[in-house]
């Protein structure tokens, strides 16, 4: 699949594909290639393949890379699974996604026999987890319904903020396993809708109250690394080639202001400029910069505009 779509992006194949898709679909549709750094690239590639499959079969030079009938049947049989996992992947990448929501999505998947084999990667005590006790302890802290055992309490002691008094041990009801993928998709969507409603109306359910003896791990521990990756992506737009001589202090300040723009606005900047100007008279009279906005004062002696700045 990846080889076929990659070859379809070549100049001659892509030109022929544009003509065929324009005639068949009324618009240009190019092949989508797999990107290792994009979580959803494989889904978009498969989705585009299903849409332009007939056109790909008529493009010269792609015959030897075409999928066999057996491979196509296998790919078609898991189309619904691709769609379901793509929706879950997008939901986990959303900004401010809490840790408990991520764990809830994984638990919904593991409750069904069809995806039980994924417990090797998604279960909280799977082999790929570096510290299973810390993983299970954080899950219990976020839910706030179970008492931590001795091993979990030892590795999570730095998250504790009050005396060691565990929460009441309440057994969570077990849900019987189901095997219908359609049920899994519906449960995942219901979980996402519930999270949206909780955020919109400020509701707090028992699942998200957490353990009052520990810090709010949902704000401290990110469920994915997307927040860090977004930070790196935004940083490269600040540290552009013609700003390579920028000092680390200024770079850090600009990035901090960009990521916390909800806490300040132009009015806040104006107030800070006036306060700084009152305490530092050296920068009081400067030439006007027409590319920026300043508060002007008319000089009665020269009738020239002067500005108040605080940088």
Protein backbone atom coordinates (compact mmCIF):
# COMPACT_ATOMS: atom_id res chain seq x y z
CA UNK A 1 0.00 0.00 0.00
CA UNK A 2 2.70 2.52 0.99
CA UNK A 3 4.78 1.64 -2.08
CA UNK A 4 1.80 1.96 -4.42
CA UNK A 5 0.75 5.36 -3.08
CA UNK A 6 4.34 6.55 -3.13
CA UNK A 7 4.74 5.60 -6.79
CA UNK A 8 1.41 7.27 -7.58
CA UNK A 9 2.88 10.58 -6.39
CA UNK A 10 5.52 10.60 -9.14
CA UNK A 11 5.22 13.32 -11.77
CA UNK A 12 3.78 11.27 -14.66
CA UNK A 13 1.53 9.10 -12.50
CA UNK A 14 0.26 12.10 -10.53
CA UNK A 15 -0.56 14.02 -13.73
CA UNK A 16 -2.51 11.08 -15.16
CA UNK A 17 -4.25 10.57 -11.83
CA UNK A 18 -5.39 14.19 -11.77
CA UNK A 19 -7.04 13.76 -15.15
CA UNK A 20 -8.80 10.54 -14.18
CA UNK A 21 -10.04 11.81 -10.81
CA UNK A 22 -11.31 15.02 -12.40
CA UNK A 23 -13.42 13.02 -14.82
CA UNK A 24 -14.64 10.54 -12.19
CA UNK A 25 -15.11 12.76 -9.11
CA UNK A 26 -15.24 16.28 -10.49
CA UNK A 27 -12.07 17.39 -8.69
CA UNK A 28 -8.39 16.59 -8.48
CA UNK A 29 -7.56 13.83 -5.99
CA UNK A 30 -3.92 12.97 -5.48
CA UNK A 31 -2.48 9.96 -3.70
CA UNK A 32 -1.70 10.30 0.01
CA UNK A 33 1.66 9.01 1.25
CA UNK A 34 2.42 7.58 4.66
CA UNK A 35 4.23 9.89 7.06
CA UNK A 36 5.98 8.22 9.99
CA UNK A 37 5.64 11.32 12.17
CA UNK A 38 1.88 11.63 11.63
CA UNK A 39 -0.38 9.38 13.68
CA UNK A 40 -3.26 9.53 11.20
CA UNK A 41 -1.27 9.35 7.97
CA UNK A 42 -1.90 5.64 7.47
CA UNK A 43 -5.65 6.10 7.87
CA UNK A 44 -5.74 8.98 5.37
CA UNK A 45 -3.66 6.94 2.93
CA UNK A 46 -6.01 3.94 3.13
CA UNK A 47 -9.11 6.15 2.89
CA UNK A 48 -7.79 7.87 -0.22
CA UNK A 49 -6.88 4.50 -1.73
CA UNK A 50 -10.45 3.24 -1.39
CA UNK A 51 -11.70 6.39 -3.09
CA UNK A 52 -9.34 6.37 -6.10
CA UNK A 53 -8.73 2.61 -6.41
CA UNK A 54 -10.34 2.33 -9.85
CA UNK A 55 -8.33 5.27 -11.19
CA UNK A 56 -5.08 3.84 -9.80
CA UNK A 57 -5.65 0.58 -11.67
CA UNK A 58 -5.76 2.44 -15.00
CA UNK A 59 -2.57 4.48 -14.48
CA UNK A 60 0.35 3.09 -16.45
CA UNK A 61 3.39 1.98 -14.48
CA UNK A 62 1.50 1.08 -11.30
CA UNK A 63 0.39 -2.41 -12.26
CA UNK A 64 3.26 -4.22 -10.53
CA UNK A 65 2.58 -2.34 -7.27
CA UNK A 66 -1.19 -2.88 -7.23
CA UNK A 67 -2.77 -4.80 -4.35
CA UNK A 68 -4.01 -8.31 -4.95
CA UNK A 69 -7.64 -9.26 -4.46
CA UNK A 70 -6.82 -11.02 -1.21
CA UNK A 71 -4.94 -8.01 0.13
CA UNK A 72 -7.83 -5.75 -0.85
CA UNK A 73 -10.37 -8.00 0.95
CA UNK A 74 -8.26 -7.97 4.11
CA UNK A 75 -7.92 -4.20 3.96
CA UNK A 76 -11.63 -3.75 3.33
CA UNK A 77 -12.55 -6.01 6.25
CA UNK A 78 -10.69 -3.78 8.74
CA UNK A 79 -11.95 -0.48 7.30
CA UNK A 80 -14.34 0.00 10.22
CA UNK A 81 -11.53 -0.67 12.69
CA UNK A 82 -9.34 1.89 10.95
CA UNK A 83 -12.09 4.49 11.24
CA UNK A 84 -12.68 3.76 14.92
CA UNK A 85 -9.02 3.92 15.90
CA UNK A 86 -8.53 7.08 13.86
CA UNK A 87 -11.32 8.78 15.82
CA UNK A 88 -9.75 7.71 19.11
CA UNK A 89 -6.31 8.88 17.97
CA UNK A 90 -7.63 12.34 17.07
CA UNK A 91 -9.44 12.58 20.42
CA UNK A 92 -6.25 11.77 22.34
CA UNK A 93 -4.36 14.50 20.47
CA UNK A 94 -6.75 17.26 21.53
CA UNK A 95 -5.36 20.05 23.64
CA UNK A 96 -5.98 19.56 27.36
CA UNK A 97 -6.90 15.88 27.03
CA UNK A 98 -6.95 14.53 30.64
CA UNK A 99 -5.12 11.40 31.69
CA UNK A 100 -8.29 9.70 32.96
CA UNK A 101 -9.98 10.15 29.58
CA UNK A 102 -7.05 8.42 27.86
CA UNK A 103 -7.20 5.51 30.32
CA UNK A 104 -10.97 5.28 29.87
CA UNK A 105 -10.65 5.04 26.08
CA UNK A 106 -8.08 2.26 26.39
CA UNK A 107 -10.21 0.35 28.90
CA UNK A 108 -13.20 0.49 26.55
CA UNK A 109 -11.08 -1.05 23.80
CA UNK A 110 -9.72 -3.81 26.04
CA UNK A 111 -13.16 -4.87 27.25
CA UNK A 112 -13.95 -6.40 23.87
CA UNK A 113 -12.64 -9.75 22.74
CA UNK A 114 -11.90 -8.46 19.24
CA UNK A 115 -9.19 -6.14 20.61
CA UNK A 116 -8.06 -8.16 23.63
CA UNK A 117 -4.71 -8.81 21.94
CA UNK A 118 -3.91 -5.09 22.28
CA UNK A 119 -3.58 -5.45 26.04
CA UNK A 120 0.11 -6.10 25.41
CA UNK A 121 0.41 -2.41 24.54
CA UNK A 122 -2.60 -0.63 26.07
CA UNK A 123 -3.06 -2.29 29.45
CA UNK A 124 -1.76 -0.42 32.50
CA UNK A 125 0.36 -3.41 33.54
CA UNK A 126 1.62 -4.43 30.09
CA UNK A 127 5.22 -5.46 29.50
CA UNK A 128 6.16 -2.23 27.71
CA UNK A 129 5.39 -0.14 30.82
CA UNK A 130 8.63 0.87 32.56
CA UNK A 131 7.07 1.11 36.04
CA UNK A 132 3.80 -0.83 36.34
CA UNK A 133 3.37 0.22 39.98
CA UNK A 134 3.63 3.90 39.06
CA UNK A 135 1.27 3.42 36.12
CA UNK A 136 -1.40 1.69 38.19
CA UNK A 137 -0.90 4.13 41.07
CA UNK A 138 -1.45 7.16 38.84
CA UNK A 139 -4.58 5.54 37.40
CA UNK A 140 -5.97 5.00 40.89
CA UNK A 141 -5.12 8.58 41.91
CA UNK A 142 -6.90 10.01 38.86
CA UNK A 143 -10.00 7.91 39.51
CA UNK A 144 -9.97 8.45 43.27
CA UNK A 145 -11.93 5.29 43.98
CA UNK A 146 -9.28 2.80 45.06
CA UNK A 147 -6.63 2.64 47.76
CA UNK A 148 -3.01 2.40 46.64
CA UNK A 149 -1.09 -0.67 47.76
CA UNK A 150 2.33 -0.43 49.40
CA UNK A 151 4.32 -0.69 46.14
CA UNK A 152 2.19 1.94 44.41
CA UNK A 153 2.34 4.28 47.41
CA UNK A 154 6.14 4.04 47.54
CA UNK A 155 6.67 5.04 43.91
CA UNK A 156 3.98 7.76 44.03
CA UNK A 157 5.02 9.31 47.36
CA UNK A 158 6.24 12.50 45.65
CA UNK A 159 2.71 13.12 44.36
CA UNK A 160 1.26 13.08 47.88
CA UNK A 161 0.23 16.41 49.41
CA UNK A 162 -1.47 15.35 52.67
CA UNK A 163 -1.13 12.66 55.34
CA UNK A 164 -1.24 9.07 54.21
CA UNK A 165 -4.93 8.28 54.44
CA UNK A 166 -6.22 6.27 51.55
CA UNK A 167 -9.63 6.69 50.01
CA UNK A 168 -12.43 4.23 50.70
CA UNK A 169 -11.93 1.02 48.83
CA UNK A 170 -14.93 0.67 46.53
CA UNK A 171 -14.97 -2.09 44.01
CA UNK A 172 -15.73 -0.92 40.49
CA UNK A 173 -18.39 -2.93 38.62
CA UNK A 174 -17.09 -5.21 35.92
CA UNK A 175 -18.55 -5.01 32.45
CA UNK A 176 -18.95 -8.21 30.44
CA UNK A 177 -16.88 -8.46 27.29
CA UNK A 178 -18.53 -7.81 23.97
CA UNK A 179 -17.31 -8.57 20.50
CA UNK A 180 -19.14 -6.19 18.18
CA UNK A 181 -16.86 -3.42 16.83
CA UNK A 182 -19.92 -1.22 16.35
CA UNK A 183 -20.53 -1.29 20.11
CA UNK A 184 -16.93 -0.30 20.77
CA UNK A 185 -17.21 2.68 18.43
CA UNK A 186 -20.44 3.82 20.10
CA UNK A 187 -18.92 3.55 23.59
CA UNK A 188 -15.86 5.54 22.54
CA UNK A 189 -18.02 8.28 21.03
CA UNK A 190 -20.18 8.42 24.17
CA UNK A 191 -17.05 8.82 26.28
CA UNK A 192 -15.87 11.73 24.10
CA UNK A 193 -19.28 13.42 24.20
CA UNK A 194 -19.33 13.08 27.99
CA UNK A 195 -15.92 14.73 28.23
CA UNK A 196 -17.09 17.60 25.98
CA UNK A 197 -20.15 18.16 28.16
CA UNK A 198 -18.05 18.11 31.33
CA UNK A 199 -15.74 20.75 29.89
CA UNK A 200 -18.60 22.90 28.57
CA UNK A 201 -20.64 22.97 31.78
CA UNK A 202 -17.81 22.57 34.29
CA UNK A 203 -19.24 19.32 35.60
CA UNK A 204 -17.09 16.98 37.67
CA UNK A 205 -18.06 13.36 37.82
CA UNK A 206 -16.71 10.77 40.24
CA UNK A 207 -14.27 9.55 37.60
CA UNK A 208 -12.54 12.94 37.36
CA UNK A 209 -12.58 14.05 41.00
CA UNK A 210 -9.31 12.31 41.75
CA UNK A 211 -7.79 11.49 45.10
CA UNK A 212 -7.67 14.59 47.36
CA UNK A 213 -4.54 13.28 49.08
CA UNK A 214 -2.48 13.66 45.90
CA UNK A 215 -1.81 16.39 43.39
CA UNK A 216 -3.96 16.65 40.28
CA UNK A 217 -2.09 14.17 38.11
CA UNK A 218 -4.28 14.95 35.12
CA UNK A 219 -2.74 18.42 34.92
CA UNK A 220 0.74 17.24 35.87
CA UNK A 221 1.10 14.18 33.59
CA UNK A 222 0.24 14.44 29.90
CA UNK A 223 -1.54 11.46 28.33
CA UNK A 224 0.43 11.90 25.08
CA UNK A 225 3.56 13.71 23.91
CA UNK A 226 1.64 15.96 21.51
CA UNK A 227 1.87 18.96 23.83
CA UNK A 228 5.69 18.77 23.69
CA UNK A 229 5.69 18.22 19.94
CA UNK A 230 3.43 21.23 19.42
CA UNK A 231 5.79 23.30 21.56
CA UNK A 232 8.74 22.31 19.36
CA UNK A 233 6.75 23.12 16.21
CA UNK A 234 5.80 26.57 17.50
CA UNK A 235 9.36 27.25 18.65
CA UNK A 236 10.75 26.83 15.13
CA UNK A 237 8.52 29.68 13.92
CA UNK A 238 10.09 31.97 16.52
CA UNK A 239 13.72 30.90 16.09
CA UNK A 240 13.80 31.51 12.32
CA UNK A 241 17.13 31.81 10.45
CA UNK A 242 17.28 35.62 10.62
CA UNK A 243 16.77 35.49 14.40
CA UNK A 244 19.59 33.09 15.22
CA UNK A 245 21.33 35.72 17.36
CA UNK A 246 18.36 35.96 19.71
CA UNK A 247 19.37 35.42 23.34
CA UNK A 248 17.95 32.39 25.18
CA UNK A 249 16.21 34.70 27.67
CA UNK A 250 14.31 36.58 24.95
CA UNK A 251 13.49 33.33 23.14
CA UNK A 252 12.10 31.79 26.31
CA UNK A 253 10.07 34.93 27.07
CA UNK A 254 8.53 35.02 23.57
CA UNK A 255 7.63 31.34 23.69
CA UNK A 256 6.17 31.73 27.18
CA UNK A 257 3.98 34.63 26.05
CA UNK A 258 2.85 32.72 22.98
CA UNK A 259 1.81 29.63 24.94
CA UNK A 260 0.04 31.73 27.62
CA UNK A 261 -1.69 34.26 25.39
CA UNK A 262 -4.99 33.70 27.23
CA UNK A 263 -3.57 35.55 30.24
CA UNK A 264 -2.69 38.79 28.45
CA UNK A 265 -3.96 41.13 25.71
CA UNK A 266 -2.99 44.48 24.11
CA UNK A 267 -4.44 46.34 27.09
CA UNK A 268 -2.16 44.39 29.46
CA UNK A 269 0.83 45.29 27.30
CA UNK A 270 -0.16 48.96 27.35
CA UNK A 271 -0.42 49.00 31.14
CA UNK A 272 2.98 47.30 31.49
CA UNK A 273 4.54 49.82 29.10
CA UNK A 274 3.17 52.77 31.08
CA UNK A 275 4.34 51.36 34.41
CA UNK A 276 7.79 50.64 33.06
CA UNK A 277 7.96 54.11 31.55
CA UNK A 278 7.17 55.74 34.88
CA UNK A 279 10.05 53.92 36.57
CA UNK A 280 12.59 54.37 33.77
CA UNK A 281 12.85 57.87 32.35
CA UNK A 282 15.72 56.98 30.03
CA UNK A 283 13.32 55.53 27.44
CA UNK A 284 10.72 58.27 27.79
CA UNK A 285 11.45 60.22 24.62
CA UNK A 286 12.12 58.09 21.55
CA UNK A 287 11.39 58.27 17.86
CA UNK A 288 8.08 56.86 16.72
CA UNK A 289 8.00 53.41 15.17
CA UNK A 290 5.15 53.39 12.65
CA UNK A 291 5.12 49.58 12.54
CA UNK A 292 3.89 49.33 16.13
CA UNK A 293 1.05 50.84 18.12
CA UNK A 294 1.88 53.33 20.85
CA UNK A 295 0.04 55.95 22.87
CA UNK A 296 1.05 59.33 21.47
CA UNK A 297 1.51 62.65 23.23
CA UNK A 298 1.75 65.96 21.39
CA UNK A 299 4.79 68.05 22.31
CA UNK A 300 3.60 71.64 22.71
CA UNK A 301 7.05 73.09 21.90
CA UNK A 302 7.91 71.28 18.69
CA UNK A 303 4.44 69.99 17.67
CA UNK A 304 6.04 66.62 17.02
CA UNK A 305 4.67 63.32 18.19
CA UNK A 306 6.42 61.56 21.04
CA UNK A 307 5.68 58.16 22.41
CA UNK A 308 5.76 56.39 25.74
CA UNK A 309 7.39 53.00 25.68
CA UNK A 310 8.59 50.59 28.30
CA UNK A 311 11.02 48.24 26.57
